[in-house]
Amino acid sequence: MSRPDRPNWPPTDSSAPQCRTCGARVTRQFARVFGADGTDAVFHCPDCEGICGRDLKQGAATRPDYDPERDRGRTSENMPVFNGGEPDE
C-alpha cells in the first residue's frame, strides 16, 4: 500500500540517477546518501565490479578515481602513521 505522504518512485524511472562508471540506475536515496554533495552524481555503485559496501562507505560513489585495490582499507586504523609507524609512500 502506498503512503500518501511519500511519492511512489519506480526504480525503472528513466530520470533516475545513473552510475557514471557502469551505467546502472540507482535510487535517488542512494544518490543522496552516497553521491557527491548537492548533485545526483554517482561514480561507483554496488553493481560496479569490485565495489563493495565498505568502498561506498569510504566515499567511492563520490570519487571517479576510486580504485578498490589502491584505496580500500585506507582508514585511520589501517594507516601506519596513526599506529606509530611511517605513512606509506
PDB file of N, CA and C in Angstrom:
ATOM      1  N   MET A   1       0.842  -1.178   0.000  1.00  0.00           N
ATOM      2  CA  MET A   1       0.000   0.000   0.000  1.00  0.00           C
ATOM      3  C   MET A   1       0.888   1.241   0.000  1.00  0.00           C
ATOM      4  N   SER A   2       0.572   2.180  -0.820  1.00  0.00           N
ATOM      5  CA  SER A   2       1.344   3.412  -0.951  1.00  0.00           C
ATOM      6  C   SER A   2       0.915   4.424   0.106  1.00  0.00           C
ATOM      7  N   ARG A   3       1.910   5.079   0.700  1.00  0.00           N
ATOM      8  CA  ARG A   3       1.611   6.120   1.681  1.00  0.00           C
ATOM      9  C   ARG A   3       1.418   7.437   0.951  1.00  0.00           C
ATOM     10  N   PRO A   4       0.372   8.193   1.280  1.00  0.00           N
ATOM     11  CA  PRO A   4       0.103   9.441   0.568  1.00  0.00           C
ATOM     12  C   PRO A   4       1.170  10.517   0.788  1.00  0.00           C
ATOM     13  N   ASP A   5       1.918  10.437   1.890  1.00  0.00           N
ATOM     14  CA  ASP A   5       2.928  11.456   2.148  1.00  0.00           C
ATOM     15  C   ASP A   5       4.271  11.138   1.490  1.00  0.00           C
ATOM     16  N   ARG A   6       4.376   9.998   0.820  1.00  0.00           N
ATOM     17  CA  ARG A   6       5.615   9.629   0.127  1.00  0.00           C
ATOM     18  C   ARG A   6       5.316   9.337  -1.337  1.00  0.00           C
ATOM     19  N   PRO A   7       6.103   9.883  -2.234  1.00  0.00           N
ATOM     20  CA  PRO A   7       5.845   9.622  -3.653  1.00  0.00           C
ATOM     21  C   PRO A   7       6.166   8.172  -4.007  1.00  0.00           C
ATOM     22  N   ASN A   8       5.402   7.630  -4.927  1.00  0.00           N
ATOM     23  CA  ASN A   8       5.661   6.289  -5.426  1.00  0.00           C
ATOM     24  C   ASN A   8       6.721   6.411  -6.512  1.00  0.00           C
ATOM     25  N   TRP A   9       7.905   5.913  -6.253  1.00  0.00           N
ATOM     26  CA  TRP A   9       9.012   6.056  -7.193  1.00  0.00           C
ATOM     27  C   TRP A   9       9.411   4.701  -7.749  1.00  0.00           C
ATOM     28  N   PRO A  10       9.141   4.445  -9.017  1.00  0.00           N
ATOM     29  CA  PRO A  10       9.538   3.167  -9.600  1.00  0.00           C
ATOM     30  C   PRO A  10      11.034   3.171  -9.934  1.00  0.00           C
ATOM     31  N   PRO A  11      11.779   2.127  -9.560  1.00  0.00           N
ATOM     32  CA  PRO A  11      13.216   2.108  -9.805  1.00  0.00           C
ATOM     33  C   PRO A  11      13.596   2.093 -11.275  1.00  0.00           C
ATOM     34  N   THR A  12      12.649   1.840 -12.165  1.00  0.00           N
ATOM     35  CA  THR A  12      12.961   1.828 -13.590  1.00  0.00           C
ATOM     36  C   THR A  12      12.728   3.186 -14.241  1.00  0.00           C
ATOM     37  N   ASP A  13      12.437   4.181 -13.440  1.00  0.00           N
ATOM     38  CA  ASP A  13      12.204   5.538 -13.934  1.00  0.00           C
ATOM     39  C   ASP A  13      13.424   6.005 -14.735  1.00  0.00           C
ATOM     40  N   SER A  14      13.204   6.463 -15.948  1.00  0.00           N
ATOM     41  CA  SER A  14      14.322   6.872 -16.809  1.00  0.00           C
ATOM     42  C   SER A  14      15.005   8.139 -16.316  1.00  0.00           C
ATOM     43  N   SER A  15      14.384   8.861 -15.383  1.00  0.00           N
ATOM     44  CA  SER A  15      15.025  10.049 -14.841  1.00  0.00           C
ATOM     45  C   SER A  15      15.841   9.729 -13.585  1.00  0.00           C
ATOM     46  N   ALA A  16      15.902   8.457 -13.213  1.00  0.00           N
ATOM     47  CA  ALA A  16      16.665   8.056 -12.028  1.00  0.00           C
ATOM     48  C   ALA A  16      18.151   8.316 -12.247  1.00  0.00           C
ATOM     49  N   PRO A  17      18.867   8.656 -11.182  1.00  0.00           N
ATOM     50  CA  PRO A  17      20.318   8.839 -11.320  1.00  0.00           C
ATOM     51  C   PRO A  17      20.974   7.575 -11.854  1.00  0.00           C
ATOM     52  N   GLN A  18      22.076   7.762 -12.526  1.00  0.00           N
ATOM     53  CA  GLN A  18      22.760   6.654 -13.175  1.00  0.00           C
ATOM     54  C   GLN A  18      24.230   6.663 -12.751  1.00  0.00           C
ATOM     55  N   CYS A  19      24.771   5.480 -12.485  1.00  0.00           N
ATOM     56  CA  CYS A  19      26.186   5.358 -12.141  1.00  0.00           C
ATOM     57  C   CYS A  19      27.012   5.733 -13.370  1.00  0.00           C
ATOM     58  N   ARG A  20      27.983   6.598 -13.182  1.00  0.00           N
ATOM     59  CA  ARG A  20      28.795   7.066 -14.299  1.00  0.00           C
ATOM     60  C   ARG A  20      29.887   6.077 -14.697  1.00  0.00           C
ATOM     61  N   THR A  21      30.090   5.037 -13.893  1.00  0.00           N
ATOM     62  CA  THR A  21      31.086   4.030 -14.235  1.00  0.00           C
ATOM     63  C   THR A  21      30.467   2.864 -14.997  1.00  0.00           C
ATOM     64  N   CYS A  22      29.402   2.275 -14.451  1.00  0.00           N
ATOM     65  CA  CYS A  22      28.825   1.077 -15.077  1.00  0.00           C
ATOM     66  C   CYS A  22      27.497   1.334 -15.783  1.00  0.00           C
ATOM     67  N   GLY A  23      26.880   2.495 -15.548  1.00  0.00           N
ATOM     68  CA  GLY A  23      25.628   2.819 -16.219  1.00  0.00           C
ATOM     69  C   GLY A  23      24.380   2.322 -15.532  1.00  0.00           C
ATOM     70  N   ALA A  24      24.513   1.642 -14.386  1.00  0.00           N
ATOM     71  CA  ALA A  24      23.348   1.122 -13.674  1.00  0.00           C
ATOM     72  C   ALA A  24      22.535   2.264 -13.076  1.00  0.00           C
ATOM     73  N   ARG A  25      21.231   2.098 -13.050  1.00  0.00           N
ATOM     74  CA  ARG A  25      20.354   3.068 -12.398  1.00  0.00           C
ATOM     75  C   ARG A  25      20.430   2.861 -10.895  1.00  0.00           C
ATOM     76  N   VAL A  26      20.446   3.942 -10.150  1.00  0.00           N
ATOM     77  CA  VAL A  26      20.431   3.887  -8.694  1.00  0.00           C
ATOM     78  C   VAL A  26      19.251   4.703  -8.202  1.00  0.00           C
ATOM     79  N   THR A  27      18.831   4.445  -6.995  1.00  0.00           N
ATOM     80  CA  THR A  27      17.705   5.202  -6.453  1.00  0.00           C
ATOM     81  C   THR A  27      18.165   6.602  -6.080  1.00  0.00           C
ATOM     82  N   ARG A  28      17.212   7.499  -6.013  1.00  0.00           N
ATOM     83  CA  ARG A  28      17.531   8.863  -5.591  1.00  0.00           C
ATOM     84  C   ARG A  28      18.066   8.864  -4.154  1.00  0.00           C
ATOM     85  N   GLN A  29      17.550   7.950  -3.338  1.00  0.00           N
ATOM     86  CA  GLN A  29      18.026   7.853  -1.969  1.00  0.00           C
ATOM     87  C   GLN A  29      19.500   7.447  -1.946  1.00  0.00           C
ATOM     88  N   PHE A  30      19.890   6.498  -2.804  1.00  0.00           N
ATOM     89  CA  PHE A  30      21.295   6.089  -2.875  1.00  0.00           C
ATOM     90  C   PHE A  30      22.161   7.269  -3.294  1.00  0.00           C
ATOM     91  N   ALA A  31      21.721   7.994  -4.308  1.00  0.00           N
ATOM     92  CA  ALA A  31      22.488   9.148  -4.787  1.00  0.00           C
ATOM     93  C   ALA A  31      22.592  10.224  -3.713  1.00  0.00           C
ATOM     94  N   ARG A  32      21.526  10.432  -2.955  1.00  0.00           N
ATOM     95  CA  ARG A  32      21.541  11.448  -1.892  1.00  0.00           C
ATOM     96  C   ARG A  32      22.502  11.054  -0.776  1.00  0.00           C
ATOM     97  N   VAL A  33      22.516   9.779  -0.404  1.00  0.00           N
ATOM     98  CA  VAL A  33      23.345   9.332   0.715  1.00  0.00           C
ATOM     99  C   VAL A  33      24.806   9.145   0.309  1.00  0.00           C
ATOM    100  N   PHE A  34      25.046   8.477  -0.819  1.00  0.00           N
ATOM    101  CA  PHE A  34      26.405   8.101  -1.195  1.00  0.00           C
ATOM    102  C   PHE A  34      27.025   8.979  -2.275  1.00  0.00           C
ATOM    103  N   GLY A  35      26.207   9.722  -3.018  1.00  0.00           N
ATOM    104  CA  GLY A  35      26.717  10.500  -4.137  1.00  0.00           C
ATOM    105  C   GLY A  35      27.391  11.797  -3.723  1.00  0.00           C
ATOM    106  N   ALA A  36      27.869  12.519  -4.725  1.00  0.00           N
ATOM    107  CA  ALA A  36      28.538  13.798  -4.489  1.00  0.00           C
ATOM    108  C   ALA A  36      27.544  14.794  -3.886  1.00  0.00           C
ATOM    109  N   ASP A  37      28.002  15.603  -2.962  1.00  0.00           N
ATOM    110  CA  ASP A  37      27.137  16.558  -2.259  1.00  0.00           C
ATOM    111  C   ASP A  37      26.436  17.512  -3.222  1.00  0.00           C
ATOM    112  N   GLY A  38      25.122  17.633  -3.036  1.00  0.00           N
ATOM    113  CA  GLY A  38      24.349  18.593  -3.804  1.00  0.00           C
ATOM    114  C   GLY A  38      24.026  18.194  -5.235  1.00  0.00           C
ATOM    115  N   THR A  39      24.414  17.002  -5.642  1.00  0.00           N
ATOM    116  CA  THR A  39      24.139  16.559  -7.005  1.00  0.00           C
ATOM    117  C   THR A  39      23.663  15.113  -6.982  1.00  0.00           C
ATOM    118  N   ASP A  40      23.247  14.628  -8.125  1.00  0.00           N
ATOM    119  CA  ASP A  40      22.904  13.211  -8.261  1.00  0.00           C
ATOM    120  C   ASP A  40      24.079  12.422  -8.830  1.00  0.00           C
ATOM    121  N   ALA A  41      25.275  13.001  -8.831  1.00  0.00           N
ATOM    122  CA  ALA A  41      26.439  12.344  -9.418  1.00  0.00           C
ATOM    123  C   ALA A  41      26.877  11.158  -8.567  1.00  0.00           C
ATOM    124  N   VAL A  42      26.870   9.974  -9.179  1.00  0.00           N
ATOM    125  CA  VAL A  42      27.323   8.745  -8.533  1.00  0.00           C
ATOM    126  C   VAL A  42      28.370   8.128  -9.458  1.00  0.00           C
ATOM    127  N   PHE A  43      29.593   7.971  -8.955  1.00  0.00           N
ATOM    128  CA  PHE A  43      30.685   7.454  -9.782  1.00  0.00           C
ATOM    129  C   PHE A  43      30.916   5.963  -9.619  1.00  0.00           C
ATOM    130  N   HIS A  44      30.457   5.374  -8.516  1.00  0.00           N
ATOM    131  CA  HIS A  44      30.523   3.926  -8.302  1.00  0.00           C
ATOM    132  C   HIS A  44      29.283   3.496  -7.539  1.00  0.00           C
ATOM    133  N   CYS A  45      28.823   2.276  -7.811  1.00  0.00           N
ATOM    134  CA  CYS A  45      27.631   1.758  -7.152  1.00  0.00           C
ATOM    135  C   CYS A  45      27.841   0.275  -6.848  1.00  0.00           C
ATOM    136  N   PRO A  46      26.902  -0.366  -6.146  1.00  0.00           N
ATOM    137  CA  PRO A  46      27.070  -1.789  -5.844  1.00  0.00           C
ATOM    138  C   PRO A  46      27.156  -2.678  -7.081  1.00  0.00           C
ATOM    139  N   ASP A  47      26.669  -2.211  -8.230  1.00  0.00           N
ATOM    140  CA  ASP A  47      26.750  -3.011  -9.453  1.00  0.00           C
ATOM    141  C   ASP A  47      28.115  -2.940 -10.125  1.00  0.00           C
ATOM    142  N   CYS A  48      28.960  -1.987  -9.726  1.00  0.00           N
ATOM    143  CA  CYS A  48      30.291  -1.864 -10.319  1.00  0.00           C
ATOM    144  C   CYS A  48      31.165  -3.043  -9.874  1.00  0.00           C
ATOM    145  N   GLU A  49      31.930  -3.562 -10.793  1.00  0.00           N
ATOM    146  CA  GLU A  49      32.801  -4.689 -10.485  1.00  0.00           C
ATOM    147  C   GLU A  49      33.840  -4.291  -9.437  1.00  0.00           C
ATOM    148  N   GLY A  50      33.951  -5.099  -8.393  1.00  0.00           N
ATOM    149  CA  GLY A  50      34.952  -4.885  -7.359  1.00  0.00           C
ATOM    150  C   GLY A  50      34.566  -3.915  -6.272  1.00  0.00           C
ATOM    151  N   ILE A  51      33.389  -3.297  -6.364  1.00  0.00           N
ATOM    152  CA  ILE A  51      32.963  -2.327  -5.360  1.00  0.00           C
ATOM    153  C   ILE A  51      32.051  -3.018  -4.342  1.00  0.00           C
ATOM    154  N   CYS A  52      32.343  -2.816  -3.061  1.00  0.00           N
ATOM    155  CA  CYS A  52      31.502  -3.400  -2.009  1.00  0.00           C
ATOM    156  C   CYS A  52      31.003  -2.282  -1.096  1.00  0.00           C
ATOM    157  N   GLY A  53      30.178  -2.626  -0.136  1.00  0.00           N
ATOM    158  CA  GLY A  53      29.619  -1.647   0.777  1.00  0.00           C
ATOM    159  C   GLY A  53      30.676  -0.841   1.509  1.00  0.00           C
ATOM    160  N   ARG A  54      31.758  -1.492   1.878  1.00  0.00           N
ATOM    161  CA  ARG A  54      32.839  -0.792   2.576  1.00  0.00           C
ATOM    162  C   ARG A  54      33.416   0.311   1.697  1.00  0.00           C
ATOM    163  N   ASP A  55      33.560   0.032   0.393  1.00  0.00           N
ATOM    164  CA  ASP A  55      34.079   1.041  -0.531  1.00  0.00           C
ATOM    165  C   ASP A  55      33.137   2.240  -0.604  1.00  0.00           C
ATOM    166  N   LEU A  56      31.840   1.964  -0.644  1.00  0.00           N
ATOM    167  CA  LEU A  56      30.860   3.053  -0.717  1.00  0.00           C
ATOM    168  C   LEU A  56      30.902   3.888   0.552  1.00  0.00           C
ATOM    169  N   LYS A  57      31.069   3.243   1.706  1.00  0.00           N
ATOM    170  CA  LYS A  57      31.172   3.977   2.963  1.00  0.00           C
ATOM    171  C   LYS A  57      32.427   4.839   3.001  1.00  0.00           C
ATOM    172  N   GLN A  58      33.465   4.443   2.273  1.00  0.00           N
ATOM    173  CA  GLN A  58      34.711   5.207   2.235  1.00  0.00           C
ATOM    174  C   GLN A  58      34.693   6.283   1.147  1.00  0.00           C
ATOM    175  N   GLY A  59      33.558   6.448   0.462  1.00  0.00           N
ATOM    176  CA  GLY A  59      33.429   7.543  -0.487  1.00  0.00           C
ATOM    177  C   GLY A  59      33.613   7.189  -1.948  1.00  0.00           C
ATOM    178  N   ALA A  60      33.563   5.911  -2.296  1.00  0.00           N
ATOM    179  CA  ALA A  60      33.773   5.502  -3.686  1.00  0.00           C
ATOM    180  C   ALA A  60      32.766   6.136  -4.638  1.00  0.00           C
ATOM    181  N   ALA A  61      31.529   6.348  -4.182  1.00  0.00           N
ATOM    182  CA  ALA A  61      30.498   6.900  -5.065  1.00  0.00           C
ATOM    183  C   ALA A  61      30.763   8.351  -5.428  1.00  0.00           C
ATOM    184  N   THR A  62      31.571   9.039  -4.630  1.00  0.00           N
ATOM    185  CA  THR A  62      31.842  10.451  -4.886  1.00  0.00           C
ATOM    186  C   THR A  62      33.153  10.675  -5.637  1.00  0.00           C
ATOM    187  N   ARG A  63      33.937   9.624  -5.816  1.00  0.00           N
ATOM    188  CA  ARG A  63      35.266   9.785  -6.408  1.00  0.00           C
ATOM    189  C   ARG A  63      35.398   9.002  -7.711  1.00  0.00           C
ATOM    190  N   PRO A  64      35.507   9.683  -8.839  1.00  0.00           N
ATOM    191  CA  PRO A  64      35.645   8.974 -10.115  1.00  0.00           C
ATOM    192  C   PRO A  64      36.956   8.187 -10.202  1.00  0.00           C
ATOM    193  N   ASP A  65      37.962   8.579  -9.434  1.00  0.00           N
ATOM    194  CA  ASP A  65      39.262   7.914  -9.480  1.00  0.00           C
ATOM    195  C   ASP A  65      39.416   6.826  -8.419  1.00  0.00           C
ATOM    196  N   TYR A  66      38.334   6.464  -7.710  1.00  0.00           N
ATOM    197  CA  TYR A  66      38.426   5.457  -6.651  1.00  0.00           C
ATOM    198  C   TYR A  66      38.827   4.115  -7.242  1.00  0.00           C
ATOM    199  N   ASP A  67      39.827   3.501  -6.642  1.00  0.00           N
ATOM    200  CA  ASP A  67      40.311   2.183  -7.061  1.00  0.00           C
ATOM    201  C   ASP A  67      40.317   1.283  -5.832  1.00  0.00           C
ATOM    202  N   PRO A  68      39.499   0.237  -5.803  1.00  0.00           N
ATOM    203  CA  PRO A  68      39.434  -0.607  -4.611  1.00  0.00           C
ATOM    204  C   PRO A  68      40.791  -1.204  -4.225  1.00  0.00           C
ATOM    205  N   GLU A  69      41.591  -1.565  -5.190  1.00  0.00           N
ATOM    206  CA  GLU A  69      42.898  -2.146  -4.875  1.00  0.00           C
ATOM    207  C   GLU A  69      43.811  -1.136  -4.188  1.00  0.00           C
ATOM    208  N   ARG A  70      43.725   0.109  -4.586  1.00  0.00           N
ATOM    209  CA  ARG A  70      44.592   1.149  -4.035  1.00  0.00           C
ATOM    210  C   ARG A  70      43.995   1.782  -2.784  1.00  0.00           C
ATOM    211  N   ASP A  71      42.697   2.030  -2.789  1.00  0.00           N
ATOM    212  CA  ASP A  71      42.080   2.841  -1.744  1.00  0.00           C
ATOM    213  C   ASP A  71      41.414   2.055  -0.623  1.00  0.00           C
ATOM    214  N   ARG A  72      41.144   0.788  -0.816  1.00  0.00           N
ATOM    215  CA  ARG A  72      40.444   0.011   0.202  1.00  0.00           C
ATOM    216  C   ARG A  72      41.326  -0.143   1.448  1.00  0.00           C
ATOM    217  N   GLY A  73      40.732   0.069   2.586  1.00  0.00           N
ATOM    218  CA  GLY A  73      41.441  -0.117   3.836  1.00  0.00           C
ATOM    219  C   GLY A  73      42.290   1.065   4.250  1.00  0.00           C
ATOM    220  N   ARG A  74      42.176   2.190   3.545  1.00  0.00           N
ATOM    221  CA  ARG A  74      42.994   3.358   3.885  1.00  0.00           C
ATOM    222  C   ARG A  74      42.266   4.201   4.933  1.00  0.00           C
ATOM    223  N   THR A  75      41.887   3.546   6.006  1.00  0.00           N
ATOM    224  CA  THR A  75      41.235   4.241   7.107  1.00  0.00           C
ATOM    225  C   THR A  75      42.231   4.408   8.236  1.00  0.00           C
ATOM    226  N   SER A  76      41.897   5.199   9.225  1.00  0.00           N
ATOM    227  CA  SER A  76      42.848   5.523  10.282  1.00  0.00           C
ATOM    228  C   SER A  76      43.388   4.291  10.996  1.00  0.00           C
ATOM    229  N   GLU A  77      42.560   3.275  11.219  1.00  0.00           N
ATOM    230  CA  GLU A  77      43.051   2.106  11.944  1.00  0.00           C
ATOM    231  C   GLU A  77      44.010   1.265  11.098  1.00  0.00           C
ATOM    232  N   ASN A  78      44.005   1.447   9.778  1.00  0.00           N
ATOM    233  CA  ASN A  78      44.896   0.689   8.908  1.00  0.00           C
ATOM    234  C   ASN A  78      46.119   1.479   8.444  1.00  0.00           C
ATOM    235  N   MET A  79      46.184   2.751   8.791  1.00  0.00           N
ATOM    236  CA  MET A  79      47.298   3.586   8.352  1.00  0.00           C
ATOM    237  C   MET A  79      48.407   3.564   9.401  1.00  0.00           C
ATOM    238  N   PRO A  80      49.621   3.172   9.017  1.00  0.00           N
ATOM    239  CA  PRO A  80      50.724   3.102   9.974  1.00  0.00           C
ATOM    240  C   PRO A  80      50.984   4.420  10.696  1.00  0.00           C
ATOM    241  N   VAL A  81      50.790   5.559  10.023  1.00  0.00           N
ATOM    242  CA  VAL A  81      51.060   6.842  10.665  1.00  0.00           C
ATOM    243  C   VAL A  81      50.193   7.044  11.908  1.00  0.00           C
ATOM    244  N   PHE A  82      49.007   6.453  11.945  1.00  0.00           N
ATOM    245  CA  PHE A  82      48.132   6.573  13.099  1.00  0.00           C
ATOM    246  C   PHE A  82      48.432   5.521  14.161  1.00  0.00           C
ATOM    247  N   ASN A  83      49.272   4.561  13.817  1.00  0.00           N
ATOM    248  CA  ASN A  83      49.626   3.491  14.743  1.00  0.00           C
ATOM    249  C   ASN A  83      51.097   3.539  15.133  1.00  0.00           C
ATOM    250  N   GLY A  84      51.712   4.716  15.040  1.00  0.00           N
ATOM    251  CA  GLY A  84      53.084   4.878  15.465  1.00  0.00           C
ATOM    252  C   GLY A  84      54.127   4.604  14.397  1.00  0.00           C
ATOM    253  N   GLY A  85      53.731   4.268  13.182  1.00  0.00           N
ATOM    254  CA  GLY A  85      54.663   3.995  12.108  1.00  0.00           C
ATOM    255  C   GLY A  85      54.740   5.137  11.121  1.00  0.00           C
ATOM    256  N   GLU A  86      55.424   4.924  10.051  1.00  0.00           N
ATOM    257  CA  GLU A  86      55.564   5.924   9.000  1.00  0.00           C
ATOM    258  C   GLU A  86      54.474   5.710   7.952  1.00  0.00           C
ATOM    259  N   PRO A  87      54.017   6.773   7.284  1.00  0.00           N
ATOM    260  CA  PRO A  87      52.989   6.618   6.246  1.00  0.00           C
ATOM    261  C   PRO A  87      53.549   5.882   5.035  1.00  0.00           C
ATOM    262  N   ASP A  88      52.660   5.170   4.350  1.00  0.00           N
ATOM    263  CA  ASP A  88      53.046   4.515   3.086  1.00  0.00           C
ATOM    264  C   ASP A  88      53.328   5.552   2.047  1.00  0.00           C
ATOM    265  N   GLU A  89      54.305   5.340   1.245  1.00  0.00           N
ATOM    266  CA  GLU A  89      54.621   6.259   0.132  1.00  0.00           C
ATOM    267  C   GLU A  89      54.246   5.640  -1.172  1.00  0.00           C
TER     268      GLU A  89
END
